[in-house]
Amino acid sequence: MREQLVDAGLRLLEEDGPEALQTRRVAAAVGASTMAVYTHFDGMTGLMEAIAAEAFARFGTALEAVRPSDDPIADVLLLGYAYRGYALASPQRYRLMFGLTGPRTALSPHSDFAMGDPGSAIGAATFEPLVAAIERLIEGGHVRPDPPREVATRLWALVHGTVLLEIAGFLGSAEHSSLPVILGPATIDFLVGMGCPRKRAERSMARVRKAVGNR
């Protein structure tokens, strides 16, 4: 029943927005009484936390699908593409994950969802693919050897901000806000600022564009 309630909550969130996350609606979606929400989650806040945790788990799976290659620069660019793709697939889910909708008590920056905090149980695990890619960049001598987690957090801030602007419609049409137009060049500029030769980064970008197209 616990998993059914979480799945129902995610489905309602994606289909009808955060206003649909009400005890009665979630319970009715699985053919249960409202008592089921209190029995399994101690109320709606607990269910919201579980929904966010499941969303982060799926987010981690999407990022882990980017397998390490012999081109760590391309790997970083592809992680940004996977990040963006997950967010755009369900903006409501993405907003909930980062406390931009719903009760903020479920997503405190001191909770298990703090991606940049190595002590957080869920967020940090989701963050590890990017940290590992940055470590490979540093080990390969592509960027200066700053602490990998700090570099990953800076890059995450760049990607997250770009994605939020796109979700809100501030970047215009999908063609203008696509990977090769905004996110890719911004990531390249970031890496160049970290010491990566621009021509080397642009070769990797060309490789990524060939792999994913202009989406």
N, C-alpha and C. Protein backbone atom coordinates (compact mmCIF):
# COMPACT_ATOMS: atom_id res chain seq x y z
N MET A 1 0.82 -1.21 0.00
CA MET A 1 0.00 0.00 0.00
C MET A 1 0.86 1.27 0.00
N ARG A 2 1.97 1.22 0.72
CA ARG A 2 2.85 2.39 0.78
C ARG A 2 3.31 2.80 -0.63
N GLU A 3 3.80 1.83 -1.40
CA GLU A 3 4.28 2.14 -2.76
C GLU A 3 3.13 2.61 -3.65
N GLN A 4 1.96 2.03 -3.46
CA GLN A 4 0.80 2.43 -4.26
C GLN A 4 0.44 3.89 -3.99
N LEU A 5 0.51 4.30 -2.73
CA LEU A 5 0.19 5.68 -2.38
C LEU A 5 1.21 6.65 -2.97
N VAL A 6 2.48 6.27 -2.92
CA VAL A 6 3.53 7.12 -3.49
C VAL A 6 3.34 7.25 -5.00
N ASP A 7 3.11 6.12 -5.66
CA ASP A 7 2.90 6.16 -7.12
C ASP A 7 1.67 6.99 -7.48
N ALA A 8 0.62 6.84 -6.69
CA ALA A 8 -0.59 7.62 -6.95
C ALA A 8 -0.33 9.11 -6.75
N GLY A 9 0.44 9.44 -5.72
CA GLY A 9 0.78 10.84 -5.48
C GLY A 9 1.58 11.43 -6.62
N LEU A 10 2.55 10.69 -7.11
CA LEU A 10 3.34 11.16 -8.25
C LEU A 10 2.48 11.36 -9.48
N ARG A 11 1.59 10.43 -9.71
CA ARG A 11 0.72 10.51 -10.89
C ARG A 11 -0.20 11.73 -10.79
N LEU A 12 -0.79 11.95 -9.63
CA LEU A 12 -1.66 13.11 -9.44
C LEU A 12 -0.88 14.41 -9.59
N LEU A 13 0.32 14.42 -9.04
CA LEU A 13 1.16 15.61 -9.14
C LEU A 13 1.45 15.95 -10.60
N GLU A 14 1.82 14.93 -11.37
CA GLU A 14 2.20 15.16 -12.76
C GLU A 14 1.00 15.52 -13.63
N GLU A 15 -0.16 14.95 -13.31
CA GLU A 15 -1.34 15.18 -14.15
C GLU A 15 -2.09 16.45 -13.78
N ASP A 16 -2.18 16.74 -12.47
CA ASP A 16 -3.06 17.83 -12.02
C ASP A 16 -2.37 18.89 -11.18
N GLY A 17 -1.07 18.74 -10.96
CA GLY A 17 -0.34 19.74 -10.20
C GLY A 17 -0.39 19.51 -8.70
N PRO A 18 0.32 20.34 -7.94
CA PRO A 18 0.43 20.14 -6.49
C PRO A 18 -0.89 20.26 -5.75
N GLU A 19 -1.86 20.98 -6.33
CA GLU A 19 -3.16 21.12 -5.67
C GLU A 19 -3.86 19.77 -5.53
N ALA A 20 -3.47 18.81 -6.37
CA ALA A 20 -4.10 17.49 -6.33
C ALA A 20 -3.59 16.64 -5.17
N LEU A 21 -2.51 17.05 -4.55
CA LEU A 21 -1.94 16.26 -3.47
C LEU A 21 -2.70 16.53 -2.17
N GLN A 22 -3.86 15.92 -2.10
CA GLN A 22 -4.72 15.99 -0.94
C GLN A 22 -4.97 14.58 -0.43
N THR A 23 -5.10 14.47 0.87
CA THR A 23 -5.25 13.15 1.48
C THR A 23 -6.36 12.34 0.82
N ARG A 24 -7.51 12.94 0.65
CA ARG A 24 -8.65 12.21 0.09
C ARG A 24 -8.39 11.78 -1.34
N ARG A 25 -7.81 12.66 -2.14
CA ARG A 25 -7.59 12.33 -3.56
C ARG A 25 -6.57 11.21 -3.71
N VAL A 26 -5.49 11.27 -2.95
CA VAL A 26 -4.47 10.23 -3.06
C VAL A 26 -5.03 8.90 -2.59
N ALA A 27 -5.73 8.91 -1.47
CA ALA A 27 -6.31 7.67 -0.96
C ALA A 27 -7.33 7.09 -1.94
N ALA A 28 -8.17 7.95 -2.49
CA ALA A 28 -9.19 7.48 -3.43
C ALA A 28 -8.56 6.88 -4.68
N ALA A 29 -7.40 7.39 -5.08
CA ALA A 29 -6.74 6.90 -6.28
C ALA A 29 -6.30 5.45 -6.15
N VAL A 30 -6.13 4.98 -4.92
CA VAL A 30 -5.73 3.58 -4.71
C VAL A 30 -6.86 2.78 -4.06
N GLY A 31 -8.04 3.37 -3.98
CA GLY A 31 -9.18 2.67 -3.42
C GLY A 31 -9.09 2.45 -1.93
N ALA A 32 -8.48 3.40 -1.22
CA ALA A 32 -8.32 3.27 0.22
C ALA A 32 -8.97 4.45 0.93
N SER A 33 -9.07 4.34 2.24
CA SER A 33 -9.57 5.46 3.04
C SER A 33 -8.42 6.39 3.38
N THR A 34 -8.76 7.58 3.85
CA THR A 34 -7.71 8.54 4.22
C THR A 34 -6.83 8.01 5.35
N MET A 35 -7.35 7.07 6.13
CA MET A 35 -6.56 6.52 7.22
C MET A 35 -5.29 5.86 6.71
N ALA A 36 -5.29 5.37 5.47
CA ALA A 36 -4.09 4.72 4.92
C ALA A 36 -2.92 5.69 4.87
N VAL A 37 -3.19 6.95 4.55
CA VAL A 37 -2.12 7.95 4.49
C VAL A 37 -1.52 8.16 5.87
N TYR A 38 -2.36 8.19 6.89
CA TYR A 38 -1.87 8.40 8.26
C TYR A 38 -1.19 7.15 8.80
N THR A 39 -1.68 5.99 8.41
CA THR A 39 -1.08 4.74 8.87
C THR A 39 0.33 4.56 8.33
N HIS A 40 0.53 4.87 7.06
CA HIS A 40 1.82 4.62 6.41
C HIS A 40 2.77 5.81 6.43
N PHE A 41 2.24 7.03 6.59
CA PHE A 41 3.10 8.21 6.48
C PHE A 41 2.90 9.25 7.59
N ASP A 42 2.03 8.95 8.55
CA ASP A 42 1.72 9.91 9.62
C ASP A 42 1.15 11.22 9.09
N GLY A 43 0.55 11.17 7.93
CA GLY A 43 -0.08 12.37 7.38
C GLY A 43 0.48 12.77 6.04
N MET A 44 -0.02 13.88 5.53
CA MET A 44 0.31 14.31 4.18
C MET A 44 1.76 14.77 4.05
N THR A 45 2.31 15.38 5.10
CA THR A 45 3.70 15.82 5.01
C THR A 45 4.62 14.62 4.81
N GLY A 46 4.36 13.54 5.53
CA GLY A 46 5.17 12.33 5.37
C GLY A 46 5.04 11.75 3.98
N LEU A 47 3.84 11.79 3.43
CA LEU A 47 3.65 11.29 2.07
C LEU A 47 4.38 12.17 1.06
N MET A 48 4.35 13.49 1.28
CA MET A 48 5.08 14.39 0.38
C MET A 48 6.58 14.08 0.41
N GLU A 49 7.11 13.80 1.59
CA GLU A 49 8.52 13.45 1.70
C GLU A 49 8.82 12.17 0.93
N ALA A 50 7.92 11.19 1.05
CA ALA A 50 8.11 9.92 0.34
C ALA A 50 8.02 10.11 -1.17
N ILE A 51 7.11 10.98 -1.61
CA ILE A 51 6.99 11.27 -3.04
C ILE A 51 8.27 11.93 -3.54
N ALA A 52 8.79 12.88 -2.77
CA ALA A 52 10.03 13.55 -3.16
C ALA A 52 11.19 12.56 -3.19
N ALA A 53 11.25 11.66 -2.21
CA ALA A 53 12.32 10.67 -2.17
C ALA A 53 12.27 9.77 -3.40
N GLU A 54 11.07 9.36 -3.79
CA GLU A 54 10.93 8.53 -4.99
C GLU A 54 11.33 9.30 -6.24
N ALA A 55 10.96 10.58 -6.28
CA ALA A 55 11.34 11.41 -7.43
C ALA A 55 12.85 11.54 -7.52
N PHE A 56 13.52 11.71 -6.38
CA PHE A 56 14.98 11.78 -6.37
C PHE A 56 15.60 10.45 -6.80
N ALA A 57 15.00 9.34 -6.37
CA ALA A 57 15.52 8.03 -6.77
C ALA A 57 15.45 7.86 -8.28
N ARG A 58 14.35 8.27 -8.87
CA ARG A 58 14.20 8.18 -10.33
C ARG A 58 15.16 9.15 -11.03
N PHE A 59 15.37 10.30 -10.42
CA PHE A 59 16.33 11.27 -10.93
C PHE A 59 17.72 10.65 -10.97
N GLY A 60 18.09 9.99 -9.86
CA GLY A 60 19.39 9.33 -9.81
C GLY A 60 19.55 8.27 -10.88
N THR A 61 18.48 7.52 -11.12
CA THR A 61 18.51 6.50 -12.16
C THR A 61 18.74 7.12 -13.54
N ALA A 62 18.10 8.26 -13.78
CA ALA A 62 18.27 8.95 -15.07
C ALA A 62 19.71 9.42 -15.25
N LEU A 63 20.33 9.91 -14.19
CA LEU A 63 21.71 10.37 -14.29
C LEU A 63 22.69 9.20 -14.40
N GLU A 64 22.40 8.12 -13.70
CA GLU A 64 23.27 6.94 -13.75
C GLU A 64 23.26 6.29 -15.13
N ALA A 65 22.23 6.58 -15.92
CA ALA A 65 22.16 6.02 -17.28
C ALA A 65 23.26 6.58 -18.17
N VAL A 66 23.86 7.70 -17.77
CA VAL A 66 25.00 8.26 -18.51
C VAL A 66 26.24 7.51 -18.03
N ARG A 67 26.67 6.55 -18.81
CA ARG A 67 27.79 5.71 -18.40
C ARG A 67 29.12 6.41 -18.68
N PRO A 68 30.10 6.23 -17.80
CA PRO A 68 31.42 6.85 -18.02
C PRO A 68 32.03 6.39 -19.33
N SER A 69 32.65 7.32 -20.04
CA SER A 69 33.29 7.02 -21.32
C SER A 69 34.75 7.47 -21.26
N ASP A 70 35.41 7.41 -22.41
CA ASP A 70 36.79 7.88 -22.47
C ASP A 70 36.87 9.39 -22.66
N ASP A 71 35.72 10.06 -22.65
CA ASP A 71 35.67 11.52 -22.80
C ASP A 71 34.90 12.11 -21.62
N PRO A 72 35.57 12.43 -20.53
CA PRO A 72 34.87 12.95 -19.35
C PRO A 72 34.19 14.29 -19.58
N ILE A 73 34.68 15.08 -20.53
CA ILE A 73 34.02 16.35 -20.84
C ILE A 73 32.65 16.07 -21.45
N ALA A 74 32.60 15.14 -22.39
CA ALA A 74 31.32 14.75 -22.98
C ALA A 74 30.40 14.16 -21.92
N ASP A 75 30.96 13.41 -20.99
CA ASP A 75 30.14 12.83 -19.92
C ASP A 75 29.46 13.92 -19.10
N VAL A 76 30.20 14.98 -18.78
CA VAL A 76 29.62 16.09 -18.01
C VAL A 76 28.50 16.76 -18.80
N LEU A 77 28.72 16.97 -20.09
CA LEU A 77 27.69 17.57 -20.94
C LEU A 77 26.46 16.68 -21.03
N LEU A 78 26.67 15.38 -21.14
CA LEU A 78 25.55 14.45 -21.22
C LEU A 78 24.78 14.38 -19.91
N LEU A 79 25.48 14.52 -18.79
CA LEU A 79 24.79 14.57 -17.50
C LEU A 79 23.88 15.79 -17.43
N GLY A 80 24.36 16.91 -17.95
CA GLY A 80 23.51 18.09 -18.00
C GLY A 80 22.28 17.87 -18.87
N TYR A 81 22.47 17.18 -19.97
CA TYR A 81 21.36 16.87 -20.86
C TYR A 81 20.36 15.94 -20.17
N ALA A 82 20.86 14.92 -19.45
CA ALA A 82 19.98 14.00 -18.73
C ALA A 82 19.23 14.73 -17.62
N TYR A 83 19.92 15.63 -16.94
CA TYR A 83 19.31 16.44 -15.88
C TYR A 83 18.14 17.25 -16.45
N ARG A 84 18.43 17.95 -17.55
CA ARG A 84 17.40 18.77 -18.20
C ARG A 84 16.24 17.91 -18.67
N GLY A 85 16.54 16.78 -19.27
CA GLY A 85 15.49 15.91 -19.78
C GLY A 85 14.56 15.42 -18.69
N TYR A 86 15.13 15.06 -17.54
CA TYR A 86 14.30 14.60 -16.43
C TYR A 86 13.39 15.72 -15.94
N ALA A 87 13.95 16.92 -15.81
CA ALA A 87 13.17 18.06 -15.32
C ALA A 87 12.04 18.41 -16.28
N LEU A 88 12.33 18.43 -17.58
CA LEU A 88 11.31 18.82 -18.56
C LEU A 88 10.24 17.75 -18.74
N ALA A 89 10.59 16.51 -18.43
CA ALA A 89 9.60 15.43 -18.56
C ALA A 89 8.45 15.62 -17.57
N SER A 90 8.74 16.23 -16.42
CA SER A 90 7.70 16.51 -15.44
C SER A 90 8.10 17.71 -14.60
N PRO A 91 7.83 18.91 -15.09
CA PRO A 91 8.18 20.10 -14.32
C PRO A 91 7.58 20.13 -12.91
N GLN A 92 6.36 19.58 -12.76
CA GLN A 92 5.74 19.58 -11.43
C GLN A 92 6.55 18.73 -10.46
N ARG A 93 6.98 17.59 -10.93
CA ARG A 93 7.79 16.70 -10.09
C ARG A 93 9.11 17.37 -9.72
N TYR A 94 9.72 18.02 -10.70
CA TYR A 94 11.00 18.69 -10.47
C TYR A 94 10.85 19.82 -9.46
N ARG A 95 9.79 20.61 -9.59
CA ARG A 95 9.56 21.71 -8.65
C ARG A 95 9.38 21.18 -7.23
N LEU A 96 8.64 20.09 -7.10
CA LEU A 96 8.42 19.52 -5.77
C LEU A 96 9.73 19.07 -5.15
N MET A 97 10.57 18.42 -5.94
CA MET A 97 11.85 17.91 -5.44
C MET A 97 12.69 19.01 -4.81
N PHE A 98 12.66 20.19 -5.40
CA PHE A 98 13.53 21.27 -4.93
C PHE A 98 12.78 22.32 -4.12
N GLY A 99 11.63 21.93 -3.58
CA GLY A 99 10.93 22.80 -2.65
C GLY A 99 10.31 24.01 -3.28
N LEU A 100 10.03 23.96 -4.58
CA LEU A 100 9.46 25.11 -5.27
C LEU A 100 7.95 25.06 -5.33
N THR A 101 7.38 23.97 -4.83
CA THR A 101 5.94 23.84 -4.73
C THR A 101 5.64 22.88 -3.60
N GLY A 102 4.48 23.01 -3.00
CA GLY A 102 4.13 22.13 -1.90
C GLY A 102 4.75 22.61 -0.60
N PRO A 103 4.54 21.88 0.48
CA PRO A 103 5.04 22.30 1.79
C PRO A 103 6.55 22.25 1.86
N ARG A 104 7.19 23.37 2.17
CA ARG A 104 8.64 23.42 2.22
C ARG A 104 9.19 22.59 3.37
N THR A 105 8.36 22.28 4.36
CA THR A 105 8.84 21.46 5.47
C THR A 105 9.28 20.10 4.99
N ALA A 106 8.75 19.65 3.87
CA ALA A 106 9.14 18.34 3.34
C ALA A 106 10.49 18.39 2.66
N LEU A 107 10.97 19.58 2.32
CA LEU A 107 12.19 19.68 1.54
C LEU A 107 13.14 20.72 2.14
N SER A 108 13.31 20.67 3.45
CA SER A 108 14.23 21.59 4.11
C SER A 108 15.63 21.41 3.56
N PRO A 109 16.41 22.49 3.40
CA PRO A 109 17.79 22.36 2.92
C PRO A 109 18.67 21.56 3.86
N HIS A 110 18.19 21.31 5.07
CA HIS A 110 18.96 20.51 6.02
C HIS A 110 18.48 19.06 6.06
N SER A 111 17.62 18.70 5.15
CA SER A 111 17.04 17.37 5.14
C SER A 111 17.87 16.43 4.28
N ASP A 112 17.34 15.22 4.10
CA ASP A 112 18.03 14.22 3.28
C ASP A 112 18.03 14.56 1.80
N PHE A 113 17.39 15.65 1.40
CA PHE A 113 17.31 16.00 -0.01
C PHE A 113 18.35 17.03 -0.43
N ALA A 114 19.26 17.41 0.46
CA ALA A 114 20.27 18.42 0.12
C ALA A 114 21.35 17.79 -0.74
N MET A 115 21.29 18.03 -2.05
CA MET A 115 22.18 17.33 -2.98
C MET A 115 23.64 17.66 -2.76
N GLY A 116 23.95 18.89 -2.39
CA GLY A 116 25.35 19.27 -2.23
C GLY A 116 25.96 18.87 -0.92
N ASP A 117 25.17 18.29 -0.02
CA ASP A 117 25.65 17.92 1.31
C ASP A 117 26.00 16.44 1.32
N PRO A 118 27.29 16.08 1.51
CA PRO A 118 27.66 14.67 1.50
C PRO A 118 27.03 13.87 2.62
N GLY A 119 26.48 14.56 3.63
CA GLY A 119 25.84 13.86 4.74
C GLY A 119 24.39 13.53 4.50
N SER A 120 23.80 14.03 3.42
CA SER A 120 22.39 13.75 3.17
C SER A 120 22.25 12.39 2.50
N ALA A 121 21.24 11.65 2.91
CA ALA A 121 21.11 10.26 2.48
C ALA A 121 20.64 10.12 1.05
N ILE A 122 19.75 10.98 0.61
CA ILE A 122 19.13 10.83 -0.70
C ILE A 122 19.74 11.77 -1.73
N GLY A 123 19.80 13.04 -1.39
CA GLY A 123 20.30 14.03 -2.33
C GLY A 123 21.73 13.77 -2.75
N ALA A 124 22.60 13.43 -1.78
CA ALA A 124 24.01 13.20 -2.10
C ALA A 124 24.18 12.01 -3.03
N ALA A 125 23.39 10.96 -2.79
CA ALA A 125 23.48 9.78 -3.65
C ALA A 125 23.10 10.13 -5.09
N THR A 126 22.10 11.00 -5.23
CA THR A 126 21.70 11.45 -6.56
C THR A 126 22.80 12.27 -7.22
N PHE A 127 23.55 12.99 -6.42
CA PHE A 127 24.58 13.91 -6.87
C PHE A 127 25.86 13.20 -7.31
N GLU A 128 26.04 11.95 -6.88
CA GLU A 128 27.32 11.27 -7.08
C GLU A 128 27.75 11.11 -8.53
N PRO A 129 26.85 10.85 -9.49
CA PRO A 129 27.32 10.73 -10.88
C PRO A 129 28.04 11.98 -11.37
N LEU A 130 27.55 13.17 -10.97
CA LEU A 130 28.22 14.40 -11.39
C LEU A 130 29.55 14.57 -10.67
N VAL A 131 29.59 14.25 -9.38
CA VAL A 131 30.85 14.34 -8.64
C VAL A 131 31.89 13.41 -9.27
N ALA A 132 31.47 12.19 -9.61
CA ALA A 132 32.39 11.23 -10.21
C ALA A 132 32.91 11.73 -11.56
N ALA A 133 32.03 12.35 -12.34
CA ALA A 133 32.46 12.88 -13.64
C ALA A 133 33.46 14.02 -13.46
N ILE A 134 33.24 14.87 -12.47
CA ILE A 134 34.19 15.95 -12.19
C ILE A 134 35.52 15.38 -11.73
N GLU A 135 35.49 14.34 -10.94
CA GLU A 135 36.74 13.69 -10.50
C GLU A 135 37.53 13.19 -11.70
N ARG A 136 36.83 12.62 -12.70
CA ARG A 136 37.53 12.14 -13.89
C ARG A 136 38.11 13.31 -14.69
N LEU A 137 37.39 14.43 -14.72
CA LEU A 137 37.91 15.62 -15.39
C LEU A 137 39.21 16.07 -14.75
N ILE A 138 39.22 16.10 -13.43
CA ILE A 138 40.41 16.57 -12.70
C ILE A 138 41.56 15.59 -12.87
N GLU A 139 41.26 14.30 -12.73
CA GLU A 139 42.30 13.27 -12.87
C GLU A 139 42.91 13.29 -14.26
N GLY A 140 42.12 13.65 -15.27
CA GLY A 140 42.63 13.71 -16.64
C GLY A 140 43.35 15.00 -16.96
N GLY A 141 43.41 15.91 -15.99
CA GLY A 141 44.09 17.18 -16.21
C GLY A 141 43.32 18.16 -17.06
N HIS A 142 42.02 17.96 -17.20
CA HIS A 142 41.22 18.84 -18.06
C HIS A 142 40.86 20.16 -17.38
N VAL A 143 40.73 20.14 -16.06
CA VAL A 143 40.38 21.36 -15.30
C VAL A 143 41.27 21.42 -14.06
N ARG A 144 41.32 22.57 -13.43
CA ARG A 144 42.17 22.73 -12.26
C ARG A 144 41.63 21.87 -11.11
N PRO A 145 42.50 21.44 -10.22
CA PRO A 145 42.11 20.47 -9.19
C PRO A 145 41.44 21.09 -7.96
N ASP A 146 40.35 21.77 -8.15
CA ASP A 146 39.54 22.20 -7.01
C ASP A 146 38.85 20.98 -6.40
N PRO A 147 38.37 21.06 -5.16
CA PRO A 147 37.63 19.93 -4.58
C PRO A 147 36.47 19.51 -5.49
N PRO A 148 36.41 18.24 -5.89
CA PRO A 148 35.41 17.80 -6.87
C PRO A 148 33.97 18.12 -6.48
N ARG A 149 33.63 17.92 -5.22
CA ARG A 149 32.24 18.18 -4.82
C ARG A 149 31.90 19.67 -4.94
N GLU A 150 32.87 20.52 -4.65
CA GLU A 150 32.62 21.96 -4.79
C GLU A 150 32.42 22.34 -6.25
N VAL A 151 33.23 21.77 -7.12
CA VAL A 151 33.08 22.04 -8.55
C VAL A 151 31.73 21.54 -9.05
N ALA A 152 31.37 20.33 -8.61
CA ALA A 152 30.09 19.75 -9.02
C ALA A 152 28.92 20.61 -8.54
N THR A 153 29.04 21.17 -7.35
CA THR A 153 27.97 22.02 -6.82
C THR A 153 27.83 23.30 -7.64
N ARG A 154 28.96 23.87 -8.04
CA ARG A 154 28.91 25.07 -8.89
C ARG A 154 28.22 24.76 -10.22
N LEU A 155 28.61 23.63 -10.80
CA LEU A 155 28.02 23.27 -12.10
C LEU A 155 26.55 22.93 -11.95
N TRP A 156 26.20 22.27 -10.87
CA TRP A 156 24.79 21.96 -10.60
C TRP A 156 23.98 23.25 -10.53
N ALA A 157 24.53 24.29 -9.85
CA ALA A 157 23.82 25.56 -9.76
C ALA A 157 23.58 26.15 -11.14
N LEU A 158 24.56 26.02 -12.03
CA LEU A 158 24.41 26.54 -13.39
C LEU A 158 23.31 25.79 -14.13
N VAL A 159 23.35 24.47 -14.07
CA VAL A 159 22.37 23.65 -14.79
C VAL A 159 20.97 23.87 -14.21
N HIS A 160 20.89 23.85 -12.89
CA HIS A 160 19.60 24.02 -12.21
C HIS A 160 18.96 25.36 -12.58
N GLY A 161 19.76 26.42 -12.55
CA GLY A 161 19.23 27.73 -12.90
C GLY A 161 18.75 27.80 -14.33
N THR A 162 19.51 27.22 -15.25
CA THR A 162 19.12 27.22 -16.66
C THR A 162 17.82 26.45 -16.86
N VAL A 163 17.72 25.30 -16.20
CA VAL A 163 16.52 24.47 -16.33
C VAL A 163 15.30 25.19 -15.77
N LEU A 164 15.45 25.85 -14.63
CA LEU A 164 14.31 26.57 -14.05
C LEU A 164 13.84 27.69 -14.97
N LEU A 165 14.79 28.40 -15.58
CA LEU A 165 14.41 29.46 -16.53
C LEU A 165 13.65 28.87 -17.72
N GLU A 166 14.09 27.71 -18.18
CA GLU A 166 13.42 27.08 -19.31
C GLU A 166 12.02 26.63 -18.93
N ILE A 167 11.88 26.00 -17.76
CA ILE A 167 10.57 25.54 -17.30
C ILE A 167 9.60 26.72 -17.18
N ALA A 168 10.11 27.84 -16.70
CA ALA A 168 9.26 29.03 -16.51
C ALA A 168 8.96 29.75 -17.82
N GLY A 169 9.62 29.34 -18.91
CA GLY A 169 9.36 29.94 -20.21
C GLY A 169 10.18 31.17 -20.52
N PHE A 170 11.17 31.48 -19.68
CA PHE A 170 11.95 32.69 -19.89
C PHE A 170 13.01 32.55 -20.98
N LEU A 171 13.26 31.34 -21.45
CA LEU A 171 14.25 31.15 -22.51
C LEU A 171 13.61 31.06 -23.89
N GLY A 172 12.32 31.26 -23.96
CA GLY A 172 11.65 31.27 -25.25
C GLY A 172 11.32 29.88 -25.75
N SER A 173 11.40 29.69 -27.05
CA SER A 173 11.01 28.43 -27.68
C SER A 173 11.96 27.31 -27.31
N ALA A 174 11.48 26.08 -27.49
CA ALA A 174 12.30 24.91 -27.19
C ALA A 174 13.58 24.90 -28.01
N GLU A 175 13.50 25.40 -29.26
CA GLU A 175 14.68 25.41 -30.12
C GLU A 175 15.76 26.33 -29.55
N HIS A 176 15.33 27.46 -29.00
CA HIS A 176 16.30 28.42 -28.47
C HIS A 176 16.91 27.93 -27.17
N SER A 177 16.15 27.19 -26.39
CA SER A 177 16.62 26.79 -25.07
C SER A 177 17.23 25.39 -25.06
N SER A 178 17.46 24.82 -26.22
CA SER A 178 17.96 23.46 -26.29
C SER A 178 19.41 23.35 -25.84
N LEU A 179 19.86 22.13 -25.71
CA LEU A 179 21.22 21.85 -25.22
C LEU A 179 22.29 22.60 -26.00
N PRO A 180 22.32 22.57 -27.34
CA PRO A 180 23.43 23.22 -28.04
C PRO A 180 23.37 24.74 -28.03
N VAL A 181 22.23 25.33 -27.70
CA VAL A 181 22.09 26.79 -27.77
C VAL A 181 22.39 27.47 -26.44
N ILE A 182 21.92 26.91 -25.34
CA ILE A 182 22.08 27.55 -24.03
C ILE A 182 22.90 26.69 -23.07
N LEU A 183 22.39 25.52 -22.73
CA LEU A 183 23.01 24.74 -21.66
C LEU A 183 24.40 24.25 -22.03
N GLY A 184 24.56 23.74 -23.25
CA GLY A 184 25.88 23.26 -23.67
C GLY A 184 26.94 24.34 -23.65
N PRO A 185 26.71 25.48 -24.35
CA PRO A 185 27.70 26.55 -24.33
C PRO A 185 27.98 27.10 -22.93
N ALA A 186 26.94 27.18 -22.09
CA ALA A 186 27.16 27.67 -20.73
C ALA A 186 28.06 26.71 -19.95
N THR A 187 27.86 25.42 -20.17
CA THR A 187 28.71 24.43 -19.49
C THR A 187 30.14 24.51 -20.02
N ILE A 188 30.30 24.69 -21.32
CA ILE A 188 31.64 24.84 -21.89
C ILE A 188 32.33 26.06 -21.32
N ASP A 189 31.62 27.18 -21.23
CA ASP A 189 32.21 28.38 -20.65
C ASP A 189 32.66 28.12 -19.21
N PHE A 190 31.86 27.37 -18.48
CA PHE A 190 32.22 27.02 -17.10
C PHE A 190 33.52 26.21 -17.08
N LEU A 191 33.60 25.20 -17.93
CA LEU A 191 34.78 24.34 -17.96
C LEU A 191 36.02 25.10 -18.42
N VAL A 192 35.85 25.99 -19.39
CA VAL A 192 36.98 26.82 -19.84
C VAL A 192 37.46 27.70 -18.69
N GLY A 193 36.53 28.23 -17.92
CA GLY A 193 36.90 29.02 -16.76
C GLY A 193 37.66 28.21 -15.72
N MET A 194 37.43 26.89 -15.74
CA MET A 194 38.14 25.99 -14.83
C MET A 194 39.47 25.52 -15.41
N GLY A 195 39.82 25.98 -16.62
CA GLY A 195 41.11 25.65 -17.20
C GLY A 195 41.09 24.73 -18.39
N CYS A 196 39.90 24.27 -18.80
CA CYS A 196 39.82 23.37 -19.95
C CYS A 196 40.03 24.16 -21.25
N PRO A 197 40.88 23.69 -22.16
CA PRO A 197 41.04 24.37 -23.45
C PRO A 197 39.71 24.40 -24.21
N ARG A 198 39.34 25.56 -24.74
CA ARG A 198 38.04 25.69 -25.39
C ARG A 198 37.89 24.74 -26.57
N LYS A 199 38.92 24.60 -27.39
CA LYS A 199 38.82 23.72 -28.55
C LYS A 199 38.56 22.28 -28.11
N ARG A 200 39.20 21.88 -27.02
CA ARG A 200 38.99 20.52 -26.52
C ARG A 200 37.54 20.35 -26.06
N ALA A 201 37.02 21.34 -25.35
CA ALA A 201 35.63 21.26 -24.88
C ALA A 201 34.65 21.27 -26.04
N GLU A 202 34.94 22.06 -27.06
CA GLU A 202 34.04 22.14 -28.21
C GLU A 202 34.03 20.84 -29.02
N ARG A 203 35.16 20.13 -29.04
CA ARG A 203 35.17 18.82 -29.70
C ARG A 203 34.22 17.86 -28.98
N SER A 204 34.26 17.92 -27.66
CA SER A 204 33.36 17.06 -26.89
C SER A 204 31.91 17.46 -27.10
N MET A 205 31.66 18.76 -27.21
CA MET A 205 30.30 19.23 -27.46
C MET A 205 29.79 18.72 -28.80
N ALA A 206 30.66 18.72 -29.81
CA ALA A 206 30.28 18.21 -31.13
C ALA A 206 29.92 16.73 -31.04
N ARG A 207 30.65 16.00 -30.22
CA ARG A 207 30.38 14.58 -30.03
C ARG A 207 29.01 14.38 -29.37
N VAL A 208 28.71 15.22 -28.40
CA VAL A 208 27.42 15.12 -27.71
C VAL A 208 26.28 15.48 -28.65
N ARG A 209 26.46 16.54 -29.43
CA ARG A 209 25.41 16.94 -30.37
C ARG A 209 25.13 15.83 -31.37
N LYS A 210 26.16 15.13 -31.77
CA LYS A 210 25.96 14.02 -32.70
C LYS A 210 25.16 12.91 -32.05
N ALA A 211 25.37 12.73 -30.74
CA ALA A 211 24.69 11.65 -30.02
C ALA A 211 23.23 11.97 -29.72
N VAL A 212 22.94 13.23 -29.37
CA VAL A 212 21.59 13.56 -28.91
C VAL A 212 20.83 14.47 -29.86
N GLY A 213 21.49 15.02 -30.86
CA GLY A 213 20.81 15.92 -31.78
C GLY A 213 20.62 17.29 -31.16
N ASN A 214 19.66 18.03 -31.66
CA ASN A 214 19.41 19.40 -31.22
C ASN A 214 18.26 19.50 -30.23
N ARG A 215 18.06 18.47 -29.45
CA ARG A 215 16.96 18.48 -28.49
C ARG A 215 17.35 19.21 -27.22
